[in-house]
């Protein structure tokens, strides 16, 4: 958010990071700075025509008045103002996509991990690199490989 030269990014009361399409100049700094890859150049248009950045709005609309015609034209439906989940999370048939309060999502994920018979070993050396040889230990901290 801080990398934007025109400060078009803002955080809603729900914690969703949005951008104002009227302020965006399409410089692309956010494209390179965002670790999640959220800001993207529009896919439509001629080759080399970049335009302003676009990003997922988490179905939270934009800076216009909630549920206004202007908001709908620029950002689509404001499902969060309607008390609904984002469309991707609501329509996901496997329920792999979750949306909502971070604590609730973390509890759901934790319960899924435990139900599948995994615990703290879900992440770590053994998961990433396999069990290895009996008695083998991961490299010591600070050791060069």
Protein backbone atom coordinates (compact mmCIF):
# COMPACT_ATOMS: atom_id res chain seq x y z
CA UNK A 1 0.00 0.00 0.00
CA UNK A 2 2.82 2.40 0.82
CA UNK A 3 4.47 1.97 -2.59
CA UNK A 4 1.61 3.69 -4.47
CA UNK A 5 2.65 7.21 -5.54
CA UNK A 6 -0.96 8.46 -5.63
CA UNK A 7 -2.06 6.61 -2.45
CA UNK A 8 -5.02 4.84 -4.09
CA UNK A 9 -4.97 1.85 -1.70
CA UNK A 10 -6.95 1.86 1.53
CA UNK A 11 -8.14 -0.61 4.15
CA UNK A 12 -11.84 -0.99 4.97
CA UNK A 13 -13.23 -1.40 8.47
CA UNK A 14 -13.40 -5.15 7.78
CA UNK A 15 -9.66 -5.22 7.01
CA UNK A 16 -10.06 -5.67 3.23
CA UNK A 17 -7.42 -3.81 1.19
CA UNK A 18 -9.03 -2.04 -1.76
CA UNK A 19 -7.94 0.51 -4.33
CA UNK A 20 -9.65 3.50 -5.89
CA UNK A 21 -9.74 3.01 -9.67
CA UNK A 22 -10.25 6.74 -10.20
CA UNK A 23 -6.96 7.59 -8.44
CA UNK A 24 -4.86 4.77 -9.95
CA UNK A 25 -2.41 5.87 -12.66
CA UNK A 26 -1.34 2.35 -13.69
CA UNK A 27 2.33 2.77 -12.78
CA UNK A 28 2.57 -0.89 -11.73
CA UNK A 29 4.57 -0.36 -8.52
CA UNK A 30 1.95 -2.29 -6.54
CA UNK A 31 2.21 -5.16 -9.05
CA UNK A 32 5.87 -5.64 -8.15
CA UNK A 33 5.56 -4.84 -4.43
CA UNK A 34 2.58 -7.02 -3.48
CA UNK A 35 3.76 -10.39 -2.09
CA UNK A 36 0.36 -11.94 -2.90
CA UNK A 37 0.20 -10.88 -6.56
CA UNK A 38 -3.19 -9.25 -6.01
CA UNK A 39 -2.84 -6.16 -8.24
CA UNK A 40 -2.89 -7.15 -11.90
CA UNK A 41 -2.95 -5.31 -15.20
CA UNK A 42 -6.27 -5.75 -17.02
CA UNK A 43 -6.31 -8.71 -19.40
CA UNK A 44 -8.56 -7.06 -22.01
CA UNK A 45 -7.20 -4.69 -24.63
CA UNK A 46 -4.45 -4.55 -27.22
CA UNK A 47 -0.99 -5.95 -26.55
CA UNK A 48 1.06 -3.43 -24.60
CA UNK A 49 -1.97 -1.42 -23.49
CA UNK A 50 -1.78 -1.69 -19.72
CA UNK A 51 -4.23 0.79 -18.27
CA UNK A 52 -5.02 1.05 -14.59
CA UNK A 53 -4.41 -1.76 -12.14
CA UNK A 54 -7.17 -4.11 -11.10
CA UNK A 55 -7.37 -6.41 -8.10
CA UNK A 56 -9.76 -8.66 -6.27
CA UNK A 57 -12.10 -6.60 -4.14
CA UNK A 58 -13.09 -9.54 -1.91
CA UNK A 59 -16.55 -8.60 -3.23
CA UNK A 60 -16.41 -5.51 -0.98
CA UNK A 61 -17.15 -2.89 -3.65
CA UNK A 62 -15.16 0.32 -3.73
CA UNK A 63 -15.03 3.85 -2.32
CA UNK A 64 -18.44 4.81 -3.74
CA UNK A 65 -21.59 4.63 -1.62
CA UNK A 66 -22.50 1.02 -0.76
CA UNK A 67 -24.80 -0.62 -3.31
CA UNK A 68 -24.79 2.42 -5.63
CA UNK A 69 -24.92 2.13 -9.42
CA UNK A 70 -21.47 3.74 -9.72
CA UNK A 71 -19.98 1.17 -7.32
CA UNK A 72 -21.58 -1.70 -9.24
CA UNK A 73 -20.25 -0.48 -12.63
CA UNK A 74 -16.64 -0.16 -11.41
CA UNK A 75 -16.31 -2.89 -8.80
CA UNK A 76 -19.23 -5.28 -9.14
CA UNK A 77 -21.61 -6.33 -6.41
CA UNK A 78 -20.78 -5.41 -2.84
CA UNK A 79 -21.55 -8.77 -1.27
CA UNK A 80 -19.98 -7.86 2.08
CA UNK A 81 -22.43 -4.94 2.47
CA UNK A 82 -25.20 -7.48 1.84
CA UNK A 83 -23.85 -9.68 4.64
CA UNK A 84 -22.59 -12.38 2.25
CA UNK A 85 -19.23 -14.02 1.64
CA UNK A 86 -17.19 -13.26 -1.49
CA UNK A 87 -18.59 -15.16 -4.50
CA UNK A 88 -15.48 -17.35 -4.87
CA UNK A 89 -15.69 -18.56 -1.26
CA UNK A 90 -19.44 -19.10 -1.39
CA UNK A 91 -19.36 -21.02 -4.68
CA UNK A 92 -16.25 -23.14 -4.00
CA UNK A 93 -17.51 -26.71 -4.19
CA UNK A 94 -14.64 -28.13 -2.13
CA UNK A 95 -14.76 -25.30 0.44
CA UNK A 96 -11.01 -24.83 -0.03
CA UNK A 97 -11.54 -21.06 -0.37
CA UNK A 98 -12.61 -19.49 2.90
CA UNK A 99 -13.50 -15.91 3.70
CA UNK A 100 -14.40 -14.05 6.83
CA UNK A 101 -12.89 -13.30 10.20
CA UNK A 102 -9.29 -14.50 10.45
CA UNK A 103 -9.84 -16.24 13.78
CA UNK A 104 -12.83 -18.17 12.45
CA UNK A 105 -10.94 -19.19 9.29
CA UNK A 106 -7.95 -20.30 11.41
CA UNK A 107 -10.22 -22.40 13.63
CA UNK A 108 -11.79 -24.07 10.58
CA UNK A 109 -8.37 -24.83 9.12
CA UNK A 110 -7.05 -26.15 12.44
CA UNK A 111 -10.06 -28.45 12.78
CA UNK A 112 -9.56 -29.75 9.22
CA UNK A 113 -5.89 -30.50 9.86
CA UNK A 114 -6.65 -32.39 13.07
CA UNK A 115 -9.54 -34.31 11.47
CA UNK A 116 -7.18 -35.55 8.75
CA UNK A 117 -4.94 -37.03 11.42
CA UNK A 118 -2.15 -34.51 11.23
CA UNK A 119 -0.89 -32.29 13.97
CA UNK A 120 2.21 -30.18 14.31
CA UNK A 121 3.99 -32.31 11.69
CA UNK A 122 1.86 -30.76 8.90
CA UNK A 123 4.65 -28.26 8.37
CA UNK A 124 8.33 -28.66 8.93
CA UNK A 125 11.37 -30.50 7.75
CA UNK A 126 9.77 -33.92 7.38
CA UNK A 127 6.85 -32.61 5.35
CA UNK A 128 9.05 -30.61 3.02
CA UNK A 129 11.91 -33.08 2.54
CA UNK A 130 10.59 -36.45 3.64
CA UNK A 131 11.53 -38.50 6.68
CA UNK A 132 15.15 -38.98 5.60
CA UNK A 133 17.45 -41.47 7.25
CA UNK A 134 16.65 -42.75 10.74
CA UNK A 135 18.16 -40.39 13.29
CA UNK A 136 18.92 -37.69 10.72
CA UNK A 137 18.45 -34.12 11.90
CA UNK A 138 17.77 -30.96 9.94
CA UNK A 139 20.80 -28.68 9.44
CA UNK A 140 21.72 -26.54 12.45
CA UNK A 141 20.61 -22.94 12.41
CA UNK A 142 23.11 -20.76 10.63
CA UNK A 143 24.90 -23.72 9.04
CA UNK A 144 25.73 -23.40 5.36
CA UNK A 145 24.59 -26.11 3.00
